[in-house]
Amino acid sequence: MRLLLLILLIIINTGTAFGQKRGTAEKTREVVLNSGDSIIVANILLDEKRIKTEIKKTYYWYFSGKISHNTGDFSGKLLNGKYQVFVQDKLVLSGNFEDGIKTGRWISWHANGSIDKIFIFKDGITDSASKDNNRHTKEKHLKKVRKEQEKKRIINLFNKKTIQKEDKPVQQ
């Protein structure tokens, strides 16, 4: 009976030990860089893990108050997370980094606020199909932005009407 109980406990402990998820949240810190009339807001990876670099990929990193890039290697804290560039308080570039490599959707804007280009990055490489479909991607993104703006407009109207009703004196 004791042997059976011991075997059962070992099986349960082994199952729970291997069934636990490892923490994937990486420690990052936001840095803000002023360069003339532009401001760069980026997240840097604080974890000291060594990334296995690939010779054909371009890595972006932060060191001594500057963001640099190099093909095949890096020398500083890798960019990891949201990256934005503002010129005269207007967003002109937005994207994401993962372990120093551009990833996902990157959008650049004209000074008037209209979208200039949209690129999709996979493992640091621009998907060539995204260049060909740039107009389609741009239109799709604009529809999404317009929808969000319309929702905000409706919410604001609703809030204004609610406030006006509450402000009216009750007649008795």
N, C-alpha and C. Protein backbone atom coordinates (compact mmCIF):
# COMPACT_ATOMS: atom_id res chain seq x y z
N MET A 1 0.81 -1.19 0.00
CA MET A 1 0.00 0.00 0.00
C MET A 1 0.86 1.26 0.00
N ARG A 2 1.92 1.25 0.82
CA ARG A 2 2.81 2.40 0.87
C ARG A 2 3.52 2.61 -0.47
N LEU A 3 3.91 1.52 -1.09
CA LEU A 3 4.58 1.59 -2.39
C LEU A 3 3.65 2.20 -3.43
N LEU A 4 2.40 1.79 -3.45
CA LEU A 4 1.42 2.32 -4.37
C LEU A 4 1.21 3.82 -4.13
N LEU A 5 1.12 4.22 -2.88
CA LEU A 5 0.95 5.62 -2.52
C LEU A 5 2.18 6.43 -2.94
N LEU A 6 3.37 5.90 -2.75
CA LEU A 6 4.61 6.57 -3.14
C LEU A 6 4.67 6.75 -4.66
N ILE A 7 4.32 5.73 -5.40
CA ILE A 7 4.31 5.81 -6.87
C ILE A 7 3.30 6.85 -7.34
N LEU A 8 2.14 6.88 -6.72
CA LEU A 8 1.11 7.84 -7.06
C LEU A 8 1.58 9.27 -6.80
N LEU A 9 2.24 9.51 -5.67
CA LEU A 9 2.77 10.84 -5.35
C LEU A 9 3.85 11.27 -6.35
N ILE A 10 4.70 10.34 -6.74
CA ILE A 10 5.75 10.65 -7.72
C ILE A 10 5.13 11.03 -9.05
N ILE A 11 4.12 10.31 -9.48
CA ILE A 11 3.45 10.61 -10.76
C ILE A 11 2.80 11.98 -10.70
N ILE A 12 2.12 12.29 -9.61
CA ILE A 12 1.44 13.59 -9.48
C ILE A 12 2.46 14.72 -9.47
N ASN A 13 3.53 14.58 -8.70
CA ASN A 13 4.56 15.63 -8.64
C ASN A 13 5.27 15.82 -9.97
N THR A 14 5.55 14.74 -10.67
CA THR A 14 6.20 14.83 -11.97
C THR A 14 5.29 15.54 -12.97
N GLY A 15 4.01 15.22 -12.95
CA GLY A 15 3.06 15.85 -13.87
C GLY A 15 2.92 17.34 -13.63
N THR A 16 2.87 17.75 -12.37
CA THR A 16 2.73 19.17 -12.09
C THR A 16 4.02 19.92 -12.35
N ALA A 17 5.15 19.29 -12.13
CA ALA A 17 6.43 19.96 -12.38
C ALA A 17 6.61 20.25 -13.86
N PHE A 18 6.27 19.30 -14.72
CA PHE A 18 6.44 19.50 -16.15
C PHE A 18 5.28 20.28 -16.75
N GLY A 19 4.17 20.36 -16.06
CA GLY A 19 3.00 21.06 -16.58
C GLY A 19 3.00 22.55 -16.30
N GLN A 20 3.94 23.04 -15.49
CA GLN A 20 3.97 24.46 -15.18
C GLN A 20 4.54 25.25 -16.34
N LYS A 21 3.96 26.44 -16.55
CA LYS A 21 4.44 27.31 -17.61
C LYS A 21 5.62 28.11 -17.10
N ARG A 22 6.58 28.29 -17.96
CA ARG A 22 7.73 29.12 -17.62
C ARG A 22 7.35 30.57 -17.81
N GLY A 23 7.91 31.43 -17.02
CA GLY A 23 7.63 32.86 -17.16
C GLY A 23 8.24 33.38 -18.45
N THR A 24 7.42 33.93 -19.32
CA THR A 24 7.92 34.44 -20.59
C THR A 24 8.02 35.96 -20.61
N ALA A 25 7.54 36.60 -19.55
CA ALA A 25 7.60 38.05 -19.51
C ALA A 25 9.05 38.50 -19.36
N GLU A 26 9.52 39.23 -20.34
CA GLU A 26 10.89 39.69 -20.31
C GLU A 26 10.93 41.10 -19.75
N LYS A 27 11.99 41.42 -19.04
CA LYS A 27 12.11 42.73 -18.44
C LYS A 27 12.59 43.73 -19.49
N THR A 28 11.81 44.79 -19.64
CA THR A 28 12.17 45.85 -20.57
C THR A 28 12.06 47.19 -19.85
N ARG A 29 12.64 48.19 -20.46
CA ARG A 29 12.58 49.55 -19.92
C ARG A 29 12.38 50.50 -21.09
N GLU A 30 11.55 51.51 -20.88
CA GLU A 30 11.31 52.49 -21.93
C GLU A 30 12.38 53.57 -21.86
N VAL A 31 12.91 53.94 -23.02
CA VAL A 31 13.86 55.04 -23.10
C VAL A 31 13.29 56.08 -24.06
N VAL A 32 13.56 57.35 -23.75
CA VAL A 32 13.11 58.46 -24.59
C VAL A 32 14.35 59.23 -25.01
N LEU A 33 14.55 59.37 -26.31
CA LEU A 33 15.73 60.06 -26.85
C LEU A 33 15.30 61.31 -27.59
N ASN A 34 15.92 62.44 -27.30
CA ASN A 34 15.68 63.68 -28.02
C ASN A 34 16.81 63.90 -29.00
N SER A 35 16.44 64.11 -30.26
CA SER A 35 17.45 64.33 -31.28
C SER A 35 16.96 65.46 -32.19
N GLY A 36 17.39 66.66 -31.92
CA GLY A 36 16.94 67.81 -32.71
C GLY A 36 15.45 68.02 -32.53
N ASP A 37 14.71 67.95 -33.63
CA ASP A 37 13.26 68.15 -33.55
C ASP A 37 12.50 66.83 -33.44
N SER A 38 13.21 65.72 -33.30
CA SER A 38 12.53 64.42 -33.20
C SER A 38 12.72 63.80 -31.81
N ILE A 39 11.73 63.00 -31.44
CA ILE A 39 11.77 62.26 -30.18
C ILE A 39 11.55 60.79 -30.51
N ILE A 40 12.41 59.93 -29.97
CA ILE A 40 12.28 58.49 -30.18
C ILE A 40 11.91 57.87 -28.84
N VAL A 41 10.84 57.07 -28.86
CA VAL A 41 10.41 56.33 -27.68
C VAL A 41 10.58 54.85 -28.02
N ALA A 42 11.42 54.16 -27.25
CA ALA A 42 11.72 52.76 -27.54
C ALA A 42 11.80 51.97 -26.25
N ASN A 43 11.61 50.67 -26.36
CA ASN A 43 11.77 49.76 -25.23
C ASN A 43 13.04 48.96 -25.46
N ILE A 44 13.83 48.81 -24.38
CA ILE A 44 15.06 48.03 -24.48
C ILE A 44 14.96 46.81 -23.57
N LEU A 45 15.61 45.76 -23.98
CA LEU A 45 15.61 44.50 -23.26
C LEU A 45 16.68 44.56 -22.18
N LEU A 46 16.27 44.40 -20.92
CA LEU A 46 17.23 44.45 -19.81
C LEU A 46 17.87 43.11 -19.53
N ASP A 47 17.25 42.04 -19.98
CA ASP A 47 17.75 40.70 -19.74
C ASP A 47 19.11 40.54 -20.42
N GLU A 48 20.05 39.98 -19.71
CA GLU A 48 21.40 39.83 -20.23
C GLU A 48 21.61 38.56 -21.06
N LYS A 49 20.52 37.90 -21.43
CA LYS A 49 20.68 36.67 -22.20
C LYS A 49 21.37 36.96 -23.53
N ARG A 50 22.15 36.04 -23.97
CA ARG A 50 22.88 36.21 -25.22
C ARG A 50 22.04 35.64 -26.36
N ILE A 51 21.76 36.46 -27.33
CA ILE A 51 20.98 36.08 -28.49
C ILE A 51 21.93 35.49 -29.53
N LYS A 52 21.53 34.39 -30.11
CA LYS A 52 22.33 33.82 -31.20
C LYS A 52 22.02 34.62 -32.46
N THR A 53 22.99 35.38 -32.90
CA THR A 53 22.78 36.27 -34.04
C THR A 53 22.89 35.52 -35.36
N GLU A 54 22.24 36.07 -36.36
CA GLU A 54 22.32 35.52 -37.72
C GLU A 54 22.96 36.57 -38.61
N ILE A 55 23.85 36.15 -39.46
CA ILE A 55 24.68 37.04 -40.26
C ILE A 55 23.87 37.94 -41.20
N LYS A 56 22.69 37.49 -41.65
CA LYS A 56 21.91 38.27 -42.63
C LYS A 56 20.90 39.22 -41.98
N LYS A 57 20.73 39.15 -40.68
CA LYS A 57 19.72 39.98 -40.02
C LYS A 57 20.34 41.25 -39.46
N THR A 58 19.53 42.32 -39.47
CA THR A 58 19.96 43.59 -38.91
C THR A 58 19.41 43.72 -37.50
N TYR A 59 20.31 43.99 -36.54
CA TYR A 59 19.95 44.11 -35.13
C TYR A 59 20.02 45.57 -34.71
N TYR A 60 19.04 46.00 -33.92
CA TYR A 60 18.97 47.36 -33.41
C TYR A 60 19.16 47.31 -31.91
N TRP A 61 20.01 48.21 -31.39
CA TRP A 61 20.29 48.20 -29.97
C TRP A 61 20.50 49.61 -29.44
N TYR A 62 20.49 49.73 -28.12
CA TYR A 62 20.67 51.00 -27.41
C TYR A 62 21.97 50.93 -26.61
N PHE A 63 22.80 51.98 -26.76
CA PHE A 63 24.04 52.04 -25.98
C PHE A 63 24.46 53.50 -25.87
N SER A 64 24.79 53.95 -24.67
CA SER A 64 25.28 55.30 -24.39
C SER A 64 24.35 56.39 -24.94
N GLY A 65 23.06 56.22 -24.75
CA GLY A 65 22.11 57.24 -25.16
C GLY A 65 21.83 57.30 -26.64
N LYS A 66 22.22 56.28 -27.39
CA LYS A 66 22.00 56.27 -28.84
C LYS A 66 21.44 54.91 -29.27
N ILE A 67 20.67 54.94 -30.35
CA ILE A 67 20.18 53.70 -30.96
C ILE A 67 21.01 53.47 -32.22
N SER A 68 21.57 52.27 -32.31
CA SER A 68 22.40 51.91 -33.44
C SER A 68 21.89 50.61 -34.05
N HIS A 69 22.41 50.28 -35.22
CA HIS A 69 22.07 49.01 -35.84
C HIS A 69 23.27 48.48 -36.61
N ASN A 70 23.25 47.17 -36.76
CA ASN A 70 24.35 46.50 -37.45
C ASN A 70 23.84 45.18 -38.01
N THR A 71 24.39 44.75 -39.09
CA THR A 71 24.00 43.47 -39.67
C THR A 71 24.87 42.37 -39.07
N GLY A 72 24.23 41.35 -38.52
CA GLY A 72 24.94 40.18 -38.03
C GLY A 72 25.36 40.20 -36.58
N ASP A 73 25.31 41.36 -35.89
CA ASP A 73 25.74 41.40 -34.50
C ASP A 73 25.23 42.68 -33.85
N PHE A 74 25.43 42.82 -32.54
CA PHE A 74 25.01 44.01 -31.82
C PHE A 74 25.97 44.24 -30.65
N SER A 75 25.88 45.46 -30.10
CA SER A 75 26.77 45.80 -28.99
C SER A 75 26.04 46.75 -28.05
N GLY A 76 25.13 46.22 -27.24
CA GLY A 76 24.36 47.04 -26.30
C GLY A 76 23.09 46.31 -25.91
N LYS A 77 22.11 47.06 -25.43
CA LYS A 77 20.82 46.50 -25.03
C LYS A 77 19.91 46.46 -26.25
N LEU A 78 19.42 45.27 -26.58
CA LEU A 78 18.58 45.11 -27.76
C LEU A 78 17.24 45.81 -27.58
N LEU A 79 16.73 46.38 -28.68
CA LEU A 79 15.40 46.96 -28.65
C LEU A 79 14.40 45.81 -28.62
N ASN A 80 13.36 45.96 -27.81
CA ASN A 80 12.38 44.88 -27.66
C ASN A 80 11.04 45.49 -27.26
N GLY A 81 10.09 45.50 -28.17
CA GLY A 81 8.78 46.07 -27.89
C GLY A 81 8.50 47.25 -28.79
N LYS A 82 7.62 48.14 -28.30
CA LYS A 82 7.14 49.27 -29.10
C LYS A 82 8.26 50.26 -29.40
N TYR A 83 8.21 50.81 -30.63
CA TYR A 83 9.18 51.80 -31.09
C TYR A 83 8.40 52.89 -31.82
N GLN A 84 8.60 54.16 -31.43
CA GLN A 84 7.89 55.26 -32.07
C GLN A 84 8.83 56.45 -32.26
N VAL A 85 8.63 57.15 -33.39
CA VAL A 85 9.38 58.37 -33.68
C VAL A 85 8.37 59.50 -33.88
N PHE A 86 8.58 60.60 -33.14
CA PHE A 86 7.74 61.78 -33.24
C PHE A 86 8.57 62.94 -33.77
N VAL A 87 8.00 63.71 -34.69
CA VAL A 87 8.63 64.94 -35.17
C VAL A 87 7.62 66.05 -34.94
N GLN A 88 8.02 67.04 -34.19
CA GLN A 88 7.15 68.16 -33.82
C GLN A 88 5.81 67.65 -33.26
N ASP A 89 5.90 66.73 -32.33
CA ASP A 89 4.75 66.13 -31.63
C ASP A 89 3.80 65.34 -32.53
N LYS A 90 4.25 64.99 -33.73
CA LYS A 90 3.42 64.17 -34.63
C LYS A 90 4.13 62.84 -34.85
N LEU A 91 3.37 61.75 -34.74
CA LEU A 91 3.92 60.42 -34.95
C LEU A 91 4.26 60.23 -36.42
N VAL A 92 5.52 59.88 -36.72
CA VAL A 92 5.94 59.68 -38.10
C VAL A 92 6.36 58.24 -38.40
N LEU A 93 6.66 57.45 -37.35
CA LEU A 93 7.06 56.06 -37.55
C LEU A 93 6.68 55.25 -36.32
N SER A 94 6.12 54.06 -36.54
CA SER A 94 5.73 53.20 -35.43
C SER A 94 5.92 51.74 -35.83
N GLY A 95 6.43 50.95 -34.88
CA GLY A 95 6.61 49.53 -35.15
C GLY A 95 7.01 48.80 -33.88
N ASN A 96 7.42 47.55 -34.04
CA ASN A 96 7.83 46.71 -32.90
C ASN A 96 9.13 46.00 -33.20
N PHE A 97 9.88 45.76 -32.14
CA PHE A 97 11.10 44.97 -32.21
C PHE A 97 10.94 43.73 -31.34
N GLU A 98 11.59 42.66 -31.75
CA GLU A 98 11.66 41.47 -30.93
C GLU A 98 13.11 41.01 -30.93
N ASP A 99 13.74 41.09 -29.77
CA ASP A 99 15.17 40.76 -29.62
C ASP A 99 16.03 41.51 -30.62
N GLY A 100 15.73 42.81 -30.82
CA GLY A 100 16.55 43.66 -31.68
C GLY A 100 16.21 43.60 -33.15
N ILE A 101 15.22 42.82 -33.53
CA ILE A 101 14.87 42.64 -34.94
C ILE A 101 13.49 43.21 -35.20
N LYS A 102 13.34 43.95 -36.30
CA LYS A 102 12.03 44.49 -36.66
C LYS A 102 11.06 43.34 -36.90
N THR A 103 9.84 43.50 -36.37
CA THR A 103 8.84 42.47 -36.54
C THR A 103 7.45 43.08 -36.65
N GLY A 104 6.57 42.41 -37.34
CA GLY A 104 5.19 42.86 -37.44
C GLY A 104 5.02 44.06 -38.36
N ARG A 105 3.96 44.83 -38.09
CA ARG A 105 3.58 45.95 -38.95
C ARG A 105 4.33 47.22 -38.55
N TRP A 106 4.95 47.86 -39.53
CA TRP A 106 5.62 49.15 -39.35
C TRP A 106 4.91 50.15 -40.24
N ILE A 107 4.55 51.30 -39.66
CA ILE A 107 3.81 52.32 -40.40
C ILE A 107 4.57 53.63 -40.33
N SER A 108 4.67 54.30 -41.48
CA SER A 108 5.23 55.65 -41.51
C SER A 108 4.13 56.60 -41.99
N TRP A 109 4.15 57.83 -41.43
CA TRP A 109 3.13 58.82 -41.75
C TRP A 109 3.77 60.05 -42.37
N HIS A 110 2.99 60.74 -43.22
CA HIS A 110 3.38 62.05 -43.74
C HIS A 110 3.20 63.08 -42.63
N ALA A 111 3.75 64.27 -42.83
CA ALA A 111 3.62 65.34 -41.84
C ALA A 111 2.17 65.75 -41.62
N ASN A 112 1.32 65.57 -42.65
CA ASN A 112 -0.09 65.96 -42.51
C ASN A 112 -0.92 64.89 -41.79
N GLY A 113 -0.30 63.78 -41.39
CA GLY A 113 -1.01 62.75 -40.64
C GLY A 113 -1.51 61.59 -41.48
N SER A 114 -1.40 61.68 -42.80
CA SER A 114 -1.84 60.56 -43.64
C SER A 114 -0.75 59.50 -43.70
N ILE A 115 -1.15 58.27 -43.90
CA ILE A 115 -0.20 57.15 -43.93
C ILE A 115 0.64 57.22 -45.19
N ASP A 116 1.94 57.08 -45.01
CA ASP A 116 2.87 57.07 -46.13
C ASP A 116 3.09 55.64 -46.61
N LYS A 117 3.60 54.77 -45.73
CA LYS A 117 3.91 53.39 -46.11
C LYS A 117 3.59 52.45 -44.95
N ILE A 118 3.26 51.21 -45.31
CA ILE A 118 3.06 50.15 -44.33
C ILE A 118 3.90 48.97 -44.78
N PHE A 119 4.74 48.48 -43.88
CA PHE A 119 5.57 47.32 -44.17
C PHE A 119 5.31 46.25 -43.14
N ILE A 120 5.35 45.01 -43.57
CA ILE A 120 5.21 43.87 -42.67
C ILE A 120 6.57 43.19 -42.60
N PHE A 121 7.10 43.05 -41.38
CA PHE A 121 8.39 42.39 -41.18
C PHE A 121 8.18 41.02 -40.55
N LYS A 122 8.90 40.05 -41.08
CA LYS A 122 8.95 38.71 -40.50
C LYS A 122 10.41 38.37 -40.31
N ASP A 123 10.81 38.17 -39.06
CA ASP A 123 12.21 37.88 -38.72
C ASP A 123 13.17 38.92 -39.28
N GLY A 124 12.77 40.18 -39.24
CA GLY A 124 13.65 41.26 -39.67
C GLY A 124 13.68 41.51 -41.15
N ILE A 125 12.93 40.75 -41.91
CA ILE A 125 12.93 40.89 -43.36
C ILE A 125 11.57 41.38 -43.82
N THR A 126 11.56 42.41 -44.69
CA THR A 126 10.31 42.94 -45.20
C THR A 126 9.69 41.92 -46.15
N ASP A 127 8.44 41.64 -45.92
CA ASP A 127 7.70 40.75 -46.79
C ASP A 127 7.47 41.47 -48.12
N SER A 128 8.06 40.98 -49.20
CA SER A 128 7.95 41.68 -50.49
C SER A 128 6.51 41.78 -50.97
N ALA A 129 5.68 40.84 -50.56
CA ALA A 129 4.27 40.89 -50.94
C ALA A 129 3.60 42.10 -50.32
N SER A 130 4.07 42.53 -49.16
CA SER A 130 3.45 43.69 -48.51
C SER A 130 3.70 44.96 -49.31
N LYS A 131 4.84 45.04 -50.01
CA LYS A 131 5.09 46.20 -50.85
C LYS A 131 4.11 46.23 -52.02
N ASP A 132 3.89 45.05 -52.62
CA ASP A 132 2.96 44.98 -53.74
C ASP A 132 1.53 45.25 -53.30
N ASN A 133 1.17 44.84 -52.11
CA ASN A 133 -0.18 45.02 -51.60
C ASN A 133 -0.27 46.23 -50.68
N ASN A 134 0.68 47.14 -50.79
CA ASN A 134 0.73 48.27 -49.87
C ASN A 134 -0.55 49.10 -49.91
N ARG A 135 -1.09 49.33 -51.12
CA ARG A 135 -2.32 50.12 -51.24
C ARG A 135 -3.47 49.42 -50.54
N HIS A 136 -3.57 48.10 -50.73
CA HIS A 136 -4.64 47.32 -50.09
C HIS A 136 -4.47 47.35 -48.57
N THR A 137 -3.26 47.16 -48.09
CA THR A 137 -2.99 47.17 -46.65
C THR A 137 -3.29 48.55 -46.07
N LYS A 138 -2.90 49.58 -46.81
CA LYS A 138 -3.13 50.94 -46.36
C LYS A 138 -4.63 51.21 -46.24
N GLU A 139 -5.40 50.80 -47.25
CA GLU A 139 -6.86 51.00 -47.23
C GLU A 139 -7.49 50.24 -46.07
N LYS A 140 -7.02 49.03 -45.82
CA LYS A 140 -7.54 48.22 -44.72
C LYS A 140 -7.27 48.91 -43.39
N HIS A 141 -6.06 49.43 -43.23
CA HIS A 141 -5.71 50.12 -41.99
C HIS A 141 -6.53 51.40 -41.83
N LEU A 142 -6.73 52.14 -42.93
CA LEU A 142 -7.52 53.37 -42.87
C LEU A 142 -8.96 53.07 -42.44
N LYS A 143 -9.54 51.98 -42.95
CA LYS A 143 -10.89 51.59 -42.55
C LYS A 143 -10.94 51.34 -41.05
N LYS A 144 -9.93 50.65 -40.53
CA LYS A 144 -9.86 50.35 -39.10
C LYS A 144 -9.76 51.64 -38.30
N VAL A 145 -8.92 52.58 -38.73
CA VAL A 145 -8.75 53.86 -38.03
C VAL A 145 -10.04 54.66 -38.07
N ARG A 146 -10.70 54.69 -39.23
CA ARG A 146 -11.96 55.43 -39.35
C ARG A 146 -13.03 54.84 -38.44
N LYS A 147 -13.07 53.51 -38.36
CA LYS A 147 -14.04 52.84 -37.48
C LYS A 147 -13.80 53.24 -36.03
N GLU A 148 -12.55 53.23 -35.61
CA GLU A 148 -12.20 53.61 -34.24
C GLU A 148 -12.57 55.07 -33.97
N GLN A 149 -12.31 55.96 -34.96
CA GLN A 149 -12.66 57.36 -34.80
C GLN A 149 -14.17 57.54 -34.69
N GLU A 150 -14.93 56.79 -35.47
CA GLU A 150 -16.38 56.87 -35.42
C GLU A 150 -16.90 56.41 -34.07
N LYS A 151 -16.32 55.33 -33.53
CA LYS A 151 -16.71 54.86 -32.20
C LYS A 151 -16.46 55.94 -31.15
N LYS A 152 -15.29 56.58 -31.22
CA LYS A 152 -14.96 57.63 -30.26
C LYS A 152 -15.93 58.80 -30.39
N ARG A 153 -16.29 59.16 -31.63
CA ARG A 153 -17.21 60.26 -31.87
C ARG A 153 -18.57 59.95 -31.26
N ILE A 154 -19.06 58.73 -31.45
CA ILE A 154 -20.36 58.32 -30.91
C ILE A 154 -20.32 58.33 -29.38
N ILE A 155 -19.25 57.83 -28.81
CA ILE A 155 -19.11 57.82 -27.35
C ILE A 155 -19.11 59.25 -26.81
N ASN A 156 -18.38 60.14 -27.49
CA ASN A 156 -18.34 61.55 -27.06
C ASN A 156 -19.71 62.19 -27.14
N LEU A 157 -20.45 61.92 -28.22
CA LEU A 157 -21.80 62.47 -28.36
C LEU A 157 -22.69 61.95 -27.24
N PHE A 158 -22.59 60.66 -26.98
CA PHE A 158 -23.40 60.05 -25.92
C PHE A 158 -23.08 60.69 -24.57
N ASN A 159 -21.80 60.85 -24.30
CA ASN A 159 -21.38 61.46 -23.03
C ASN A 159 -21.87 62.89 -22.91
N LYS A 160 -21.81 63.67 -24.01
CA LYS A 160 -22.29 65.05 -23.98
C LYS A 160 -23.79 65.11 -23.69
N LYS A 161 -24.57 64.23 -24.35
CA LYS A 161 -26.02 64.20 -24.13
C LYS A 161 -26.33 63.80 -22.70
N THR A 162 -25.61 62.84 -22.16
CA THR A 162 -25.83 62.39 -20.79
C THR A 162 -25.53 63.52 -19.81
N ILE A 163 -24.45 64.25 -20.04
CA ILE A 163 -24.07 65.36 -19.17
C ILE A 163 -25.12 66.47 -19.24
N GLN A 164 -25.60 66.78 -20.47
CA GLN A 164 -26.61 67.82 -20.63
C GLN A 164 -27.89 67.45 -19.90
N LYS A 165 -28.32 66.20 -19.95
CA LYS A 165 -29.52 65.76 -19.26
C LYS A 165 -29.36 65.88 -17.76
N GLU A 166 -28.17 65.53 -17.26
CA GLU A 166 -27.93 65.60 -15.83
C GLU A 166 -27.86 67.03 -15.34
N ASP A 167 -27.41 67.97 -16.20
CA ASP A 167 -27.27 69.36 -15.81
C ASP A 167 -28.59 70.12 -15.78
N LYS A 168 -29.61 69.64 -16.50
CA LYS A 168 -30.89 70.33 -16.55
C LYS A 168 -31.56 70.25 -15.18
N PRO A 169 -32.11 71.39 -14.71
CA PRO A 169 -32.80 71.35 -13.43
C PRO A 169 -34.14 70.59 -13.56
N VAL A 170 -34.46 69.93 -12.52
CA VAL A 170 -35.70 69.15 -12.50
C VAL A 170 -36.84 70.10 -12.14
N GLN A 171 -37.88 70.14 -13.00
CA GLN A 171 -39.01 71.02 -12.76
C GLN A 171 -40.06 70.30 -11.92
N GLN A 172 -40.57 71.00 -10.92
CA GLN A 172 -41.55 70.37 -10.04
C GLN A 172 -42.86 71.08 -10.10
